[in-house]
Amino acid sequence: MRMGSRAALLSCAALLVAGPGAAQTAADTAGIREAASNYVEGWYSGDAARMERALHPDLAKRIVVNRDGKSQLNHMGTPTLVEATGRGGGKNTPAAEQQRDIVILDIFRGVASVRATMSGWIDYMHLARWNGRWVIVNVLWEMKADR
């Protein structure tokens, strides 16, 4: 095998291992995990400042609910979520029941998808690199139990 062919083969193998949505850098992965952790831990600890650090100012957090047999989209923005966090809503969950599973599903350049499994619900988050740091822009969530 010629040296040029071997290098091309190694480059292709590296792309297959990394996948098309692989993190740009280890710092990207760390920044994404930090934003998701600030969101989860901020909620459980009632730390509004930590929650706010995780969020883009124009966050859209949405859930589909059924009212009278019809789907309805409920929306929450950054101010409402930060305020609810500061009121300590997450502190009502006993420590032994606090679930904090964070899985980075995909990263492509300056955007990422993350799944956070918490005690009573699942959050699917979209993050973006915003002014040099990773923040949560969108959250679509669903309760684990039937409502």
Protein backbone atom coordinates (compact mmCIF):
# COMPACT_ATOMS: atom_id res chain seq x y z
CA MET A 1 0.00 0.00 0.00
CA ARG A 2 1.36 3.41 -0.94
CA MET A 3 1.83 5.97 1.86
CA GLY A 4 -0.80 8.37 0.39
CA SER A 5 -3.39 5.57 0.21
CA ARG A 6 -2.67 4.53 3.77
CA ALA A 7 -3.12 8.11 5.04
CA ALA A 8 -6.42 8.40 3.15
CA LEU A 9 -7.60 5.10 4.61
CA LEU A 10 -6.69 6.21 8.14
CA SER A 11 -8.53 9.50 7.63
CA CYS A 12 -11.66 7.64 6.50
CA ALA A 13 -11.42 5.28 9.48
CA ALA A 14 -11.12 8.24 11.85
CA LEU A 15 -14.28 9.78 10.36
CA LEU A 16 -16.16 6.51 10.78
CA VAL A 17 -15.12 6.21 14.42
CA ALA A 18 -15.87 9.84 15.23
CA GLY A 19 -19.13 9.96 13.27
CA PRO A 20 -20.50 12.90 11.32
CA GLY A 21 -21.71 14.76 14.42
CA ALA A 22 -18.61 14.32 16.52
CA ALA A 23 -17.57 17.07 18.91
CA GLN A 24 -15.34 19.71 17.45
CA THR A 25 -13.14 19.65 20.53
CA ALA A 26 -13.06 18.20 24.01
CA ALA A 27 -13.88 21.74 25.19
CA ASP A 28 -17.15 21.59 23.21
CA THR A 29 -18.14 18.35 24.90
CA ALA A 30 -17.23 19.80 28.30
CA GLY A 31 -19.16 23.01 27.62
CA ILE A 32 -22.25 21.11 26.50
CA ARG A 33 -22.13 18.86 29.55
CA GLU A 34 -21.60 21.89 31.81
CA ALA A 35 -24.69 23.68 30.42
CA ALA A 36 -26.83 20.55 30.79
CA SER A 37 -25.49 19.97 34.32
CA ASN A 38 -26.17 23.58 35.31
CA TYR A 39 -29.75 23.10 34.11
CA VAL A 40 -30.28 19.82 36.01
CA GLU A 41 -28.37 20.70 39.18
CA GLY A 42 -29.69 24.26 39.20
CA TRP A 43 -33.23 22.87 39.20
CA TYR A 44 -32.69 20.39 42.02
CA SER A 45 -30.75 22.86 44.19
CA GLY A 46 -33.05 25.80 43.59
CA ASP A 47 -30.09 27.80 42.26
CA ALA A 48 -31.66 30.34 39.89
CA ALA A 49 -28.29 31.85 38.90
CA ARG A 50 -26.96 28.43 37.90
CA MET A 51 -30.10 27.74 35.85
CA GLU A 52 -29.83 31.11 34.17
CA ARG A 53 -26.18 30.43 33.19
CA ALA A 54 -27.38 27.33 31.33
CA LEU A 55 -30.03 29.11 29.26
CA HIS A 56 -30.11 31.35 26.22
CA PRO A 57 -32.13 34.51 27.06
CA ASP A 58 -34.72 33.51 24.42
CA LEU A 59 -35.15 29.90 25.57
CA ALA A 60 -38.26 28.10 24.37
CA LYS A 61 -39.24 25.23 26.70
CA ARG A 62 -42.34 23.41 25.46
CA ILE A 63 -44.54 20.47 26.31
CA VAL A 64 -47.55 19.03 24.50
CA VAL A 65 -50.50 18.54 26.85
CA ASN A 66 -53.97 17.21 26.15
CA ARG A 67 -56.94 19.26 27.27
CA ASP A 68 -60.44 18.02 26.51
CA GLY A 69 -59.07 15.55 23.96
CA LYS A 70 -57.08 18.16 22.06
CA SER A 71 -53.35 18.75 21.97
CA GLN A 72 -52.09 22.04 23.31
CA LEU A 73 -48.55 23.40 23.32
CA ASN A 74 -47.52 24.98 26.63
CA HIS A 75 -44.53 27.31 26.52
CA MET A 76 -42.08 28.55 29.14
CA GLY A 77 -39.28 31.06 28.59
CA THR A 78 -36.10 31.88 30.48
CA PRO A 79 -37.63 34.28 33.02
CA THR A 80 -40.35 31.82 34.04
CA LEU A 81 -37.97 28.86 34.35
CA VAL A 82 -35.39 30.86 36.31
CA GLU A 83 -38.11 32.16 38.64
CA ALA A 84 -39.54 28.66 39.19
CA THR A 85 -36.04 27.39 39.93
CA GLY A 86 -35.45 30.18 42.45
CA ARG A 87 -38.71 29.31 44.22
CA GLY A 88 -37.18 25.90 44.87
CA GLY A 89 -39.51 23.68 42.86
CA GLY A 90 -36.77 21.09 42.35
CA LYS A 91 -35.96 20.96 46.06
CA ASN A 92 -39.28 19.18 46.61
CA THR A 93 -37.80 16.05 45.05
CA PRO A 94 -36.10 13.94 47.74
CA ALA A 95 -32.37 13.54 47.08
CA ALA A 96 -32.70 9.76 46.75
CA GLU A 97 -35.23 10.25 43.92
CA GLN A 98 -33.31 12.91 41.97
CA GLN A 99 -32.36 11.46 38.61
CA ARG A 100 -29.64 13.27 36.65
CA ASP A 101 -28.86 11.29 33.52
CA ILE A 102 -27.34 13.46 30.79
CA VAL A 103 -26.60 12.01 27.36
CA ILE A 104 -25.11 14.05 24.52
CA LEU A 105 -26.95 12.73 21.48
CA ASP A 106 -25.23 14.68 18.73
CA ILE A 107 -22.86 17.57 18.13
CA PHE A 108 -22.31 19.33 14.84
CA ARG A 109 -20.15 22.43 14.73
CA GLY A 110 -21.94 24.97 16.95
CA VAL A 111 -25.12 23.01 17.76
CA ALA A 112 -25.88 19.95 19.87
CA SER A 113 -28.74 17.75 21.07
CA VAL A 114 -28.86 16.42 24.63
CA ARG A 115 -31.27 14.20 26.54
CA ALA A 116 -31.65 14.82 30.27
CA THR A 117 -33.59 12.22 32.23
CA MET A 118 -34.82 13.68 35.48
CA SER A 119 -37.07 12.33 38.23
CA GLY A 120 -40.45 12.96 36.67
CA TRP A 121 -39.71 13.87 33.06
CA ILE A 122 -37.41 13.68 30.05
CA ASP A 123 -35.96 16.86 28.48
CA TYR A 124 -34.70 16.91 24.89
CA MET A 125 -32.48 19.99 24.62
CA HIS A 126 -30.95 21.85 21.71
CA LEU A 127 -27.83 23.79 22.58
CA ALA A 128 -25.83 26.35 20.65
CA ARG A 129 -22.41 27.86 21.05
CA TRP A 130 -23.40 31.45 21.84
CA ASN A 131 -20.75 34.15 22.30
CA GLY A 132 -18.15 31.52 23.05
CA ARG A 133 -20.11 29.32 25.47
CA TRP A 134 -22.70 26.58 25.19
CA VAL A 135 -26.28 27.44 26.19
CA ILE A 136 -29.66 25.71 25.97
CA VAL A 137 -31.86 27.30 23.29
CA ASN A 138 -34.80 24.85 23.08
CA VAL A 139 -36.26 22.19 25.35
CA LEU A 140 -39.06 19.81 24.38
CA TRP A 141 -40.11 17.75 27.37
CA GLU A 142 -42.49 15.01 28.40
CA MET A 143 -43.64 13.72 31.76
CA LYS A 144 -42.77 10.10 32.56
CA ALA A 145 -46.14 9.39 34.18
CA ASP A 146 -49.47 9.84 32.45
CA ARG A 147 -51.04 13.17 33.10
